[in-house]
Amino acid sequence: MEWIIREVNGNAIIEPTEDKECHFCKTKLILHDFYPQKSYNFFHADVHLKCPECSWWVTFGVPISEADFNKLSRSKYAKKPLTHELLELGLKQVEKRLKTFGYW
């Protein structure tokens, strides 16, 4: 599985390069949050994806470079739920899906 770090409104987020499906109901998972971390001299991000249908939650430990760690650590999106931030980014497909499942 591959991951990409992209810039959004001057801040970095990490996400999979391809859609991931829920293990149980096969619904497309959405990015919930990410936690950049340094353990000894090893840099990684714990990335949480969540199913908007059944609420299944999965964590991926993603190795990253020190430069990517610095970008993600400074991001205003790090270490907090991204639902509202993603909607602000104009991802109307996420908004539509969440409304369909009764989140708003």
C-alpha atoms as a PDB file:
ATOM      1  CA  MET A   1       0.000   0.000   0.000  1.00  0.00           C
ATOM      2  CA  GLU A   2       1.336   3.401  -0.924  1.00  0.00           C
ATOM      3  CA  TRP A   3       0.770   6.729   0.770  1.00  0.00           C
ATOM      4  CA  ILE A   4       1.104  10.316  -0.383  1.00  0.00           C
ATOM      5  CA  ILE A   5       1.672  13.507   1.535  1.00  0.00           C
ATOM      6  CA  ARG A   6      -0.078  16.403  -0.097  1.00  0.00           C
ATOM      7  CA  GLU A   7      -0.492  20.047   0.719  1.00  0.00           C
ATOM      8  CA  VAL A   8      -3.948  21.398   1.472  1.00  0.00           C
ATOM      9  CA  ASN A   9      -4.388  25.090   2.251  1.00  0.00           C
ATOM     10  CA  GLY A  10      -0.732  25.362   3.219  1.00  0.00           C
ATOM     11  CA  ASN A  11      -0.843  22.307   5.499  1.00  0.00           C
ATOM     12  CA  ALA A  12       0.151  18.695   4.898  1.00  0.00           C
ATOM     13  CA  ILE A  13      -2.023  15.595   5.149  1.00  0.00           C
ATOM     14  CA  ILE A  14      -1.162  11.970   4.509  1.00  0.00           C
ATOM     15  CA  GLU A  15      -3.536   9.687   2.645  1.00  0.00           C
ATOM     16  CA  PRO A  16      -3.519   6.422   0.679  1.00  0.00           C
ATOM     17  CA  THR A  17      -2.889   6.684  -3.059  1.00  0.00           C
ATOM     18  CA  GLU A  18      -5.866   4.424  -3.747  1.00  0.00           C
ATOM     19  CA  ASP A  19      -9.271   4.025  -2.126  1.00  0.00           C
ATOM     20  CA  LYS A  20      -9.549   1.533   0.703  1.00  0.00           C
ATOM     21  CA  GLU A  21     -12.724  -0.421   1.442  1.00  0.00           C
ATOM     22  CA  CYS A  22     -14.241  -1.443   4.741  1.00  0.00           C
ATOM     23  CA  HIS A  23     -13.414  -5.044   5.574  1.00  0.00           C
ATOM     24  CA  PHE A  24     -17.015  -5.706   6.597  1.00  0.00           C
ATOM     25  CA  CYS A  25     -19.402  -3.688   4.406  1.00  0.00           C
ATOM     26  CA  LYS A  26     -17.096  -2.724   1.493  1.00  0.00           C
ATOM     27  CA  THR A  27     -17.860   1.010   1.863  1.00  0.00           C
ATOM     28  CA  LYS A  28     -15.072   3.426   0.950  1.00  0.00           C
ATOM     29  CA  LEU A  29     -13.077   4.392   4.061  1.00  0.00           C
ATOM     30  CA  ILE A  30     -12.481   8.053   4.861  1.00  0.00           C
ATOM     31  CA  LEU A  31      -9.436   9.650   6.457  1.00  0.00           C
ATOM     32  CA  HIS A  32     -10.222  10.342  10.105  1.00  0.00           C
ATOM     33  CA  ASP A  33      -6.924  11.571  11.565  1.00  0.00           C
ATOM     34  CA  PHE A  34      -3.162  11.080  11.547  1.00  0.00           C
ATOM     35  CA  TYR A  35      -0.436  11.232  14.179  1.00  0.00           C
ATOM     36  CA  PRO A  36       3.161  11.876  13.046  1.00  0.00           C
ATOM     37  CA  GLN A  37       5.587  10.314  15.520  1.00  0.00           C
ATOM     38  CA  LYS A  38       9.286   9.850  16.146  1.00  0.00           C
ATOM     39  CA  SER A  39      10.455   6.725  17.947  1.00  0.00           C
ATOM     40  CA  TYR A  40      14.197   6.765  18.460  1.00  0.00           C
ATOM     41  CA  ASN A  41      15.394   7.698  14.948  1.00  0.00           C
ATOM     42  CA  PHE A  42      12.415   6.139  13.191  1.00  0.00           C
ATOM     43  CA  PHE A  43       9.749   8.443  11.778  1.00  0.00           C
ATOM     44  CA  HIS A  44       6.228   7.228  11.102  1.00  0.00           C
ATOM     45  CA  ALA A  45       2.617   8.336  11.027  1.00  0.00           C
ATOM     46  CA  ASP A  46      -0.306   6.452  12.504  1.00  0.00           C
ATOM     47  CA  VAL A  47      -3.108   7.017  10.028  1.00  0.00           C
ATOM     48  CA  HIS A  48      -6.690   6.217  11.023  1.00  0.00           C
ATOM     49  CA  LEU A  49      -9.314   5.463   8.388  1.00  0.00           C
ATOM     50  CA  LYS A  50     -12.957   5.027   9.308  1.00  0.00           C
ATOM     51  CA  CYS A  51     -15.994   3.509   7.625  1.00  0.00           C
ATOM     52  CA  PRO A  52     -18.852   6.032   7.454  1.00  0.00           C
ATOM     53  CA  GLU A  53     -21.365   3.170   7.167  1.00  0.00           C
ATOM     54  CA  CYS A  54     -20.553   0.789  10.028  1.00  0.00           C
ATOM     55  CA  SER A  55     -17.914   2.850  11.925  1.00  0.00           C
ATOM     56  CA  TRP A  56     -15.172   0.229  11.529  1.00  0.00           C
ATOM     57  CA  TRP A  57     -11.842   1.847  12.364  1.00  0.00           C
ATOM     58  CA  VAL A  58      -8.418   0.807  11.106  1.00  0.00           C
ATOM     59  CA  THR A  59      -4.936   2.120  11.884  1.00  0.00           C
ATOM     60  CA  PHE A  60      -2.019   2.031   9.468  1.00  0.00           C
ATOM     61  CA  GLY A  61       1.556   2.615  10.626  1.00  0.00           C
ATOM     62  CA  VAL A  62       3.234   4.413   7.750  1.00  0.00           C
ATOM     63  CA  PRO A  63       7.027   4.932   7.689  1.00  0.00           C
ATOM     64  CA  ILE A  64       7.911   8.481   6.610  1.00  0.00           C
ATOM     65  CA  SER A  65      11.069  10.529   6.130  1.00  0.00           C
ATOM     66  CA  GLU A  66      12.245  13.135   8.621  1.00  0.00           C
ATOM     67  CA  ALA A  67      11.273  15.877   6.144  1.00  0.00           C
ATOM     68  CA  ASP A  68       7.748  14.444   5.849  1.00  0.00           C
ATOM     69  CA  PHE A  69       7.573  14.135   9.644  1.00  0.00           C
ATOM     70  CA  ASN A  70       8.406  17.830   9.946  1.00  0.00           C
ATOM     71  CA  LYS A  71       5.721  18.777   7.385  1.00  0.00           C
ATOM     72  CA  LEU A  72       3.059  16.651   9.041  1.00  0.00           C
ATOM     73  CA  SER A  73       3.976  17.745  12.567  1.00  0.00           C
ATOM     74  CA  ARG A  74       3.527  21.416  11.656  1.00  0.00           C
ATOM     75  CA  SER A  75       0.212  20.775   9.914  1.00  0.00           C
ATOM     76  CA  LYS A  76      -2.908  22.202  11.547  1.00  0.00           C
ATOM     77  CA  TYR A  77      -4.644  18.944  10.584  1.00  0.00           C
ATOM     78  CA  ALA A  78      -2.309  16.715  12.609  1.00  0.00           C
ATOM     79  CA  LYS A  79      -3.693  14.877  15.624  1.00  0.00           C
ATOM     80  CA  LYS A  80      -7.325  15.872  15.233  1.00  0.00           C
ATOM     81  CA  PRO A  81     -10.417  14.501  13.483  1.00  0.00           C
ATOM     82  CA  LEU A  82     -10.569  15.697   9.892  1.00  0.00           C
ATOM     83  CA  THR A  83     -14.257  15.431   9.073  1.00  0.00           C
ATOM     84  CA  HIS A  84     -14.979  19.163   9.212  1.00  0.00           C
ATOM     85  CA  GLU A  85     -11.634  20.151   7.729  1.00  0.00           C
ATOM     86  CA  LEU A  86     -12.181  17.907   4.727  1.00  0.00           C
ATOM     87  CA  LEU A  87     -15.554  19.509   4.130  1.00  0.00           C
ATOM     88  CA  GLU A  88     -13.928  22.938   4.233  1.00  0.00           C
ATOM     89  CA  LEU A  89     -11.534  21.752   1.533  1.00  0.00           C
ATOM     90  CA  GLY A  90     -14.414  21.425  -0.882  1.00  0.00           C
ATOM     91  CA  LEU A  91     -14.578  17.648  -0.997  1.00  0.00           C
ATOM     92  CA  LYS A  92     -18.299  17.631  -1.665  1.00  0.00           C
ATOM     93  CA  GLN A  93     -18.254  13.899  -2.346  1.00  0.00           C
ATOM     94  CA  VAL A  94     -17.339  13.316   1.301  1.00  0.00           C
ATOM     95  CA  GLU A  95     -20.076  15.685   2.449  1.00  0.00           C
ATOM     96  CA  LYS A  96     -22.658  13.943   0.267  1.00  0.00           C
ATOM     97  CA  ARG A  97     -21.637  10.498   1.527  1.00  0.00           C
ATOM     98  CA  LEU A  98     -21.735  11.545   5.175  1.00  0.00           C
ATOM     99  CA  LYS A  99     -25.158  13.190   4.760  1.00  0.00           C
ATOM    100  CA  THR A 100     -26.408  10.003   3.095  1.00  0.00           C
ATOM    101  CA  PHE A 101     -25.366   8.051   6.181  1.00  0.00           C
ATOM    102  CA  GLY A 102     -27.069  10.510   8.540  1.00  0.00           C
ATOM    103  CA  TYR A 103     -24.048  12.328   9.964  1.00  0.00           C
ATOM    104  CA  TRP A 104     -25.751  15.729   9.416  1.00  0.00           C
END
